Amino acid sequence: MQFINFIRDVQEDCGLGRSYFPQEELEQYGLRSLCEEEARANPASFLALARKQINRYMGWQREAEASFRYIPRKYLLPIKTASDMYKFTARRIAVDPFVVYDRKVKPSIGRIVSGYLKNYVTVLN
């Protein structure tokens, strides 16, 4: 789940001189970095790379969720809720990857609580 934070936090990480994506992948898309100036100068490349990373994450998430049935029910509730919230973040970024340069994308407290309650009903009952 941490992987989605690498996408969400590119603006902050760029400011700190960090990048969690292989340079070879950036180069495949004609990008030198994921800093905002570079991304906005090459919007099609940035969008393609961001969506590739989000698709990668969603694939990993599907694989992980297939194993949720092996997790004891008492532990599954927080794990499933966290998983759902990270997927929410990924979906929001996928709609407009440039949003990561404008604000930190994350679910509201209300969404987290309602997700928890929904999972409580479906997981524990």
Protein backbone atom coordinates (compact mmCIF):
# COMPACT_ATOMS: atom_id res chain seq x y z
CA MET A 1 0.00 0.00 0.00
CA GLN A 2 2.93 2.33 0.60
CA PHE A 3 3.57 2.41 -3.15
CA ILE A 4 0.62 4.71 -3.78
CA ASN A 5 2.20 7.24 -1.39
CA PHE A 6 5.22 7.39 -3.69
CA ILE A 7 2.91 8.66 -6.42
CA ARG A 8 0.85 10.88 -4.13
CA ASP A 9 3.94 12.54 -2.62
CA VAL A 10 6.04 13.22 -5.75
CA GLN A 11 5.89 16.99 -5.22
CA GLU A 12 7.18 16.76 -1.66
CA ASP A 13 9.78 14.13 -2.55
CA CYS A 14 11.05 16.18 -5.48
CA GLY A 15 11.59 19.12 -3.15
CA LEU A 16 13.65 16.84 -0.92
CA GLY A 17 15.66 15.45 -3.85
CA ARG A 18 14.05 12.00 -3.59
CA SER A 19 12.54 9.76 -6.22
CA TYR A 20 11.22 6.27 -5.66
CA PHE A 21 10.79 5.38 -9.32
CA PRO A 22 13.53 3.79 -11.41
CA GLN A 23 15.33 6.29 -13.63
CA GLU A 24 15.02 3.81 -16.50
CA GLU A 25 11.22 4.04 -16.29
CA LEU A 26 11.32 7.82 -16.28
CA GLU A 27 13.58 7.74 -19.33
CA GLN A 28 11.20 5.35 -21.12
CA TYR A 29 8.66 8.16 -20.96
CA GLY A 30 11.13 10.90 -21.85
CA LEU A 31 11.21 12.34 -18.33
CA ARG A 32 14.28 13.37 -16.35
CA SER A 33 12.38 13.63 -13.08
CA LEU A 34 8.87 13.84 -11.66
CA CYS A 35 9.31 17.43 -10.50
CA GLU A 36 6.34 19.60 -11.43
CA GLU A 37 8.15 21.70 -14.03
CA GLU A 38 9.30 18.58 -15.88
CA ALA A 39 5.86 16.94 -15.65
CA ARG A 40 4.03 20.03 -16.90
CA ALA A 41 6.52 20.43 -19.76
CA ASN A 42 5.81 16.82 -20.81
CA PRO A 43 2.17 16.26 -19.84
CA ALA A 44 1.47 13.22 -22.04
CA SER A 45 4.59 11.48 -20.74
CA PHE A 46 3.79 12.27 -17.13
CA LEU A 47 0.18 11.10 -17.48
CA ALA A 48 1.27 7.84 -19.12
CA LEU A 49 3.90 7.13 -16.47
CA ALA A 50 1.60 8.00 -13.57
CA ARG A 51 -1.18 5.80 -14.91
CA LYS A 52 1.26 2.95 -15.50
CA GLN A 53 2.36 3.17 -11.87
CA ILE A 54 -1.25 3.31 -10.65
CA ASN A 55 -2.14 0.28 -12.77
CA ARG A 56 0.86 -1.55 -11.32
CA TYR A 57 -0.31 -0.69 -7.82
CA MET A 58 -3.89 -1.80 -8.53
CA GLY A 59 -2.60 -5.13 -9.86
CA TRP A 60 -0.57 -5.70 -6.71
CA GLN A 61 -3.57 -4.72 -4.63
CA ARG A 62 -5.81 -7.25 -6.42
CA GLU A 63 -3.23 -9.97 -5.72
CA ALA A 64 -3.05 -8.99 -2.07
CA GLU A 65 -6.81 -8.89 -1.67
CA ALA A 66 -7.10 -12.41 -3.07
CA SER A 67 -5.30 -13.52 0.09
CA PHE A 68 -7.51 -11.58 2.51
CA ARG A 69 -9.50 -14.77 3.07
CA TYR A 70 -6.50 -16.19 4.94
CA ILE A 71 -6.39 -13.31 7.42
CA PRO A 72 -8.22 -13.93 10.71
CA ARG A 73 -11.43 -11.90 10.75
CA LYS A 74 -10.44 -9.87 13.81
CA TYR A 75 -7.40 -8.53 11.92
CA LEU A 76 -9.09 -8.16 8.56
CA LEU A 77 -11.22 -5.11 9.41
CA PRO A 78 -8.39 -2.55 9.70
CA ILE A 79 -6.44 -4.14 6.86
CA LYS A 80 -9.39 -4.07 4.46
CA THR A 81 -10.28 -0.52 5.47
CA ALA A 82 -6.72 0.68 4.85
CA SER A 83 -6.69 -1.17 1.52
CA ASP A 84 -9.94 0.50 0.48
CA MET A 85 -8.63 3.95 1.40
CA TYR A 86 -5.41 3.49 -0.55
CA LYS A 87 -7.46 2.36 -3.56
CA PHE A 88 -9.61 5.48 -3.16
CA THR A 89 -6.43 7.58 -3.29
CA ALA A 90 -5.16 5.71 -6.35
CA ARG A 91 -8.46 6.17 -8.19
CA ARG A 92 -8.53 9.89 -7.44
CA ILE A 93 -5.00 10.35 -8.73
CA ALA A 94 -5.75 8.24 -11.83
CA VAL A 95 -8.52 10.65 -12.85
CA ASP A 96 -6.06 13.57 -12.92
CA PRO A 97 -2.47 12.68 -12.01
CA PHE A 98 -1.51 16.37 -11.96
CA VAL A 99 -3.54 16.71 -8.76
CA VAL A 100 -0.45 15.49 -6.87
CA TYR A 101 1.14 18.88 -7.58
CA ASP A 102 -1.84 20.79 -6.20
CA ARG A 103 -2.71 18.98 -2.98
CA LYS A 104 -2.16 15.85 -0.95
CA VAL A 105 -4.81 13.37 -2.06
CA LYS A 106 -6.23 11.37 0.81
CA PRO A 107 -9.64 10.25 2.02
CA SER A 108 -11.55 12.43 4.44
CA ILE A 109 -12.14 11.31 8.02
CA GLY A 110 -15.79 10.79 7.09
CA ARG A 111 -14.85 8.49 4.22
CA ILE A 112 -12.53 6.50 6.47
CA VAL A 113 -15.17 6.11 9.17
CA SER A 114 -17.89 5.15 6.69
CA GLY A 115 -15.51 2.69 5.02
CA TYR A 116 -14.68 1.18 8.39
CA LEU A 117 -18.36 0.83 9.28
CA LYS A 118 -19.17 -0.71 5.90
CA ASN A 119 -16.35 -3.19 6.35
CA TYR A 120 -17.46 -3.87 9.92
CA VAL A 121 -20.86 -4.94 8.64
CA THR A 122 -19.48 -7.05 5.77
CA VAL A 123 -16.34 -8.49 7.39
CA LEU A 124 -17.41 -9.25 10.92
CA ASN A 125 -20.99 -10.31 10.28
